[in-house]
């Protein structure tokens, strides 16, 4: 397997925005992520968002069946692919890259490699001996019903052979939306702010980034509200399969 750090251009120093968001509804969280993608070109810089969930929830991949949702969980359908992700004890983040960013020129797998090496670096800085997977999801796995963290694929983050961090992407003319989750199968072993700080430092080191604070504008929040009310908060979207 060819290593992205050897085969793709080395990042030049650049500025990104960072958004330390709070705890929100499942619908708002997905609406905000899609709004980040839709406004990526206008913003002109990548945006990293940290956020949490205000209830016990799962998100399902864009192509998945609503019947994959376990009992007792609120749920929302993501704009990205992948399997069922439990948002009970996880740490979630998202990234939006405008179309002109160098990451858009890479093969999808190589873009995962760059981003997940940052996640790996962050966890290692917290004394977690994380590694990256070389596996692929077997063809006989039913992707319409699969659970994300039981099916590691290439460049997912592992601890002792078990997946602890996964992600999914959506690519449009506006750029890339990358949604990620870190889940240890139990309560997080680190305070959320400590994990956020470690991730920020890892992106700074691995991808030569410096960060500017992002403050959502009224127009941006209006987009989030509209998407929450007309898309991600509706049965028409969430039960579409």
Protein backbone atom coordinates (compact mmCIF):
# COMPACT_ATOMS: atom_id res chain seq x y z
CA UNK A 1 0.00 0.00 0.00
CA UNK A 2 1.38 3.39 -0.97
CA UNK A 3 1.49 5.94 1.80
CA UNK A 4 -0.23 9.27 1.19
CA UNK A 5 2.45 11.05 3.16
CA UNK A 6 4.99 9.85 0.58
CA UNK A 7 2.90 9.92 -2.60
CA UNK A 8 1.01 13.24 -2.43
CA UNK A 9 2.30 16.82 -2.29
CA UNK A 10 3.42 18.05 1.10
CA UNK A 11 1.05 20.68 2.50
CA UNK A 12 2.22 24.25 2.47
CA UNK A 13 1.39 26.38 5.54
CA UNK A 14 -2.19 27.61 5.40
CA UNK A 15 -4.94 29.04 7.57
CA UNK A 16 -8.11 27.17 8.46
CA UNK A 17 -11.10 28.20 10.53
CA UNK A 18 -12.01 26.31 13.71
CA UNK A 19 -15.49 26.18 15.28
CA UNK A 20 -15.86 24.92 18.84
CA UNK A 21 -19.58 24.30 18.59
CA UNK A 22 -21.75 23.04 21.44
CA UNK A 23 -24.39 20.37 21.97
CA UNK A 24 -27.17 20.33 19.38
CA UNK A 25 -30.03 18.25 18.08
CA UNK A 26 -29.26 15.50 15.56
CA UNK A 27 -31.05 17.44 12.82
CA UNK A 28 -29.15 20.67 13.50
CA UNK A 29 -25.81 18.86 13.57
CA UNK A 30 -26.30 17.47 10.07
CA UNK A 31 -27.76 20.75 8.82
CA UNK A 32 -24.72 22.65 10.09
CA UNK A 33 -22.33 20.21 8.44
CA UNK A 34 -24.10 20.54 5.10
CA UNK A 35 -24.17 24.33 5.48
CA UNK A 36 -20.41 24.22 5.99
CA UNK A 37 -20.04 22.46 2.65
CA UNK A 38 -22.49 24.69 0.80
CA UNK A 39 -20.68 27.84 1.96
CA UNK A 40 -17.13 26.49 1.61
CA UNK A 41 -16.27 28.42 -1.55
CA UNK A 42 -17.66 31.66 -0.14
CA UNK A 43 -15.60 31.17 3.03
CA UNK A 44 -12.46 30.34 1.03
CA UNK A 45 -10.71 28.34 3.78
CA UNK A 46 -11.24 24.89 5.28
CA UNK A 47 -13.37 24.81 8.43
CA UNK A 48 -12.93 22.32 11.30
CA UNK A 49 -15.91 21.90 13.62
CA UNK A 50 -16.11 20.10 16.98
CA UNK A 51 -19.59 19.37 18.32
CA UNK A 52 -21.73 17.05 20.45
CA UNK A 53 -25.31 15.73 20.64
CA UNK A 54 -28.08 16.82 23.01
CA UNK A 55 -29.65 13.36 23.19
CA UNK A 56 -28.77 9.69 22.76
CA UNK A 57 -28.77 9.33 18.99
CA UNK A 58 -27.48 7.49 15.96
CA UNK A 59 -26.76 8.79 12.50
CA UNK A 60 -27.18 6.55 9.47
CA UNK A 61 -25.41 6.72 6.13
CA UNK A 62 -27.08 8.35 3.15
CA UNK A 63 -27.91 5.04 1.43
CA UNK A 64 -28.89 3.12 4.56
CA UNK A 65 -32.30 1.78 5.55
CA UNK A 66 -34.11 3.48 8.42
CA UNK A 67 -34.73 -0.03 9.77
CA UNK A 68 -31.03 -0.10 10.74
CA UNK A 69 -31.78 2.31 13.62
CA UNK A 70 -31.76 0.57 17.04
CA UNK A 71 -34.65 1.03 19.47
CA UNK A 72 -34.37 3.82 21.99
CA UNK A 73 -32.27 6.19 19.88
CA UNK A 74 -33.17 9.38 18.09
CA UNK A 75 -31.76 9.28 14.57
CA UNK A 76 -30.84 11.37 11.57
CA UNK A 77 -29.71 10.48 8.06
CA UNK A 78 -26.30 11.90 7.19
CA UNK A 79 -25.43 13.61 3.91
CA UNK A 80 -22.42 11.26 3.75
CA UNK A 81 -22.18 7.48 3.37
CA UNK A 82 -21.01 4.80 5.76
CA UNK A 83 -22.76 2.80 8.46
CA UNK A 84 -24.73 3.38 11.65
CA UNK A 85 -22.79 5.59 14.09
CA UNK A 86 -23.73 5.73 17.77
CA UNK A 87 -23.64 9.20 19.30
CA UNK A 88 -23.86 8.25 22.95
CA UNK A 89 -20.24 8.51 24.12
CA UNK A 90 -18.50 9.60 20.93
CA UNK A 91 -16.56 12.71 19.97
CA UNK A 92 -17.68 14.15 16.64
CA UNK A 93 -15.95 16.52 14.28
CA UNK A 94 -16.42 17.66 10.70
CA UNK A 95 -14.32 19.36 8.05
CA UNK A 96 -15.37 21.33 4.99
CA UNK A 97 -12.82 22.00 2.24
CA UNK A 98 -13.58 24.44 -0.59
CA UNK A 99 -13.24 23.05 -4.11
CA UNK A 100 -9.95 24.83 -4.77
CA UNK A 101 -8.18 23.21 -1.83
CA UNK A 102 -5.33 20.78 -2.62
CA UNK A 103 -7.11 17.91 -0.81
CA UNK A 104 -9.72 17.93 -3.60
CA UNK A 105 -7.04 16.92 -6.10
CA UNK A 106 -6.31 13.67 -4.25
CA UNK A 107 -7.88 10.27 -4.64
CA UNK A 108 -10.60 9.87 -2.01
CA UNK A 109 -8.57 7.24 -0.14
CA UNK A 110 -5.55 9.51 0.08
CA UNK A 111 -7.67 12.32 1.50
CA UNK A 112 -8.86 9.92 4.21
CA UNK A 113 -5.23 9.02 4.88
CA UNK A 114 -4.19 12.63 5.47
CA UNK A 115 -7.11 13.40 7.77
CA UNK A 116 -7.04 10.16 9.74
CA UNK A 117 -3.30 10.47 10.30
CA UNK A 118 -4.13 13.67 12.12
CA UNK A 119 -6.65 11.78 14.26
CA UNK A 120 -4.06 9.06 14.88
CA UNK A 121 -1.44 11.67 15.84
CA UNK A 122 -3.87 13.33 18.26
CA UNK A 123 -4.68 10.05 19.99
CA UNK A 124 -1.02 9.07 20.19
CA UNK A 125 -0.28 12.40 21.87
CA UNK A 126 -2.75 11.28 24.56
CA UNK A 127 -0.85 7.99 25.04
CA UNK A 128 -3.35 6.01 22.98
CA UNK A 129 -1.44 3.60 20.71
CA UNK A 130 -3.66 4.09 17.67
CA UNK A 131 -2.88 2.62 14.25
CA UNK A 132 -4.42 2.88 10.77
CA UNK A 133 -6.32 0.00 9.18
CA UNK A 134 -5.26 -1.66 5.93
CA UNK A 135 -8.54 -3.58 5.63
CA UNK A 136 -11.46 -3.11 3.27
CA UNK A 137 -15.10 -3.88 4.06
CA UNK A 138 -15.94 -7.39 2.77
CA UNK A 139 -18.32 -7.55 -0.20
CA UNK A 140 -20.79 -9.69 1.72
CA UNK A 141 -21.44 -6.99 4.36
CA UNK A 142 -24.90 -5.43 3.91
CA UNK A 143 -24.05 -1.74 3.68
CA UNK A 144 -27.70 -0.75 4.03
CA UNK A 145 -27.71 -2.08 7.60
CA UNK A 146 -24.06 -2.20 8.72
CA UNK A 147 -22.79 -0.62 11.92
CA UNK A 148 -19.83 1.64 11.22
CA UNK A 149 -17.56 0.70 14.11
CA UNK A 150 -17.84 -3.06 13.59
CA UNK A 151 -16.60 -2.77 9.99
CA UNK A 152 -13.17 -1.10 9.74
CA UNK A 153 -11.98 -0.06 6.31
CA UNK A 154 -8.73 1.38 4.96
CA UNK A 155 -7.34 4.31 6.98
CA UNK A 156 -9.83 3.92 9.83
CA UNK A 157 -8.16 4.34 13.23
CA UNK A 158 -7.69 1.21 15.35
CA UNK A 159 -6.74 0.42 18.93
CA UNK A 160 -5.68 -3.18 19.61
CA UNK A 161 -7.28 -4.17 16.30
CA UNK A 162 -10.65 -2.57 17.10
CA UNK A 163 -11.97 0.46 15.23
CA UNK A 164 -12.13 3.58 17.40
CA UNK A 165 -12.40 6.30 14.75
CA UNK A 166 -14.17 6.35 11.41
CA UNK A 167 -15.33 8.89 8.87
CA UNK A 168 -17.28 9.45 5.69
CA UNK A 169 -17.20 12.04 2.92
CA UNK A 170 -19.45 13.82 0.49
CA UNK A 171 -17.94 15.56 -2.53
CA UNK A 172 -19.77 18.21 -4.55
CA UNK A 173 -18.86 21.12 -6.80
CA UNK A 174 -18.50 23.18 -3.62
CA UNK A 175 -15.80 20.93 -2.15
CA UNK A 176 -15.55 18.12 0.41
CA UNK A 177 -17.50 17.47 3.59
CA UNK A 178 -15.69 15.02 5.89
CA UNK A 179 -17.62 13.78 8.94
CA UNK A 180 -15.75 11.89 11.65
CA UNK A 181 -16.44 10.15 14.96
CA UNK A 182 -14.16 8.84 17.71
CA UNK A 183 -15.76 6.15 19.89
CA UNK A 184 -14.05 3.86 22.40
CA UNK A 185 -17.13 1.71 22.98
CA UNK A 186 -17.61 3.35 26.38
CA UNK A 187 -17.36 6.81 27.92
CA UNK A 188 -14.53 8.87 26.48
CA UNK A 189 -11.28 8.30 28.39
CA UNK A 190 -10.32 11.96 27.92
CA UNK A 191 -12.14 15.22 28.62
CA UNK A 192 -13.73 16.55 25.44
CA UNK A 193 -11.72 19.75 25.50
CA UNK A 194 -8.48 17.81 25.89
CA UNK A 195 -9.37 15.69 22.87
CA UNK A 196 -10.32 18.79 20.85
CA UNK A 197 -7.02 20.44 21.76
CA UNK A 198 -5.08 17.33 20.73
CA UNK A 199 -6.88 17.17 17.39
CA UNK A 200 -6.24 20.84 16.70
CA UNK A 201 -2.55 20.41 17.50
CA UNK A 202 -2.32 17.34 15.26
CA UNK A 203 -3.81 19.17 12.26
CA UNK A 204 -1.40 22.02 12.90
CA UNK A 205 1.57 19.66 12.86
CA UNK A 206 0.64 17.11 10.19
CA UNK A 207 -1.04 19.43 7.70
CA UNK A 208 0.86 22.67 8.44
CA UNK A 209 -2.25 24.51 9.58
CA UNK A 210 -2.77 27.57 11.74
CA UNK A 211 -6.29 28.26 12.95
CA UNK A 212 -8.56 31.28 13.03
CA UNK A 213 -11.71 31.26 15.19
CA UNK A 214 -14.96 30.81 13.28
CA UNK A 215 -18.03 32.69 14.44
CA UNK A 216 -21.26 31.70 12.65
CA UNK A 217 -22.96 34.66 11.04
CA UNK A 218 -26.69 35.27 11.11
CA UNK A 219 -26.86 34.25 7.45
CA UNK A 220 -25.02 30.99 8.15
CA UNK A 221 -27.29 30.16 11.09
CA UNK A 222 -30.31 30.93 8.92
CA UNK A 223 -29.10 28.29 6.43
CA UNK A 224 -28.70 25.82 9.30
CA UNK A 225 -32.21 26.58 10.56
CA UNK A 226 -33.72 26.17 7.09
CA UNK A 227 -31.97 22.83 6.52
CA UNK A 228 -32.98 21.62 9.99
CA UNK A 229 -36.65 22.44 9.45
CA UNK A 230 -37.05 21.39 5.82
CA UNK A 231 -34.63 18.47 5.51
CA UNK A 232 -32.80 16.87 8.44
CA UNK A 233 -35.66 17.25 10.88
CA UNK A 234 -38.24 15.69 8.56
CA UNK A 235 -39.49 12.10 8.12
CA UNK A 236 -39.28 12.62 4.35
CA UNK A 237 -35.48 12.77 4.60
CA UNK A 238 -34.81 10.48 7.52
CA UNK A 239 -37.17 7.68 6.42
CA UNK A 240 -36.50 7.97 2.69
CA UNK A 241 -35.15 4.38 2.56
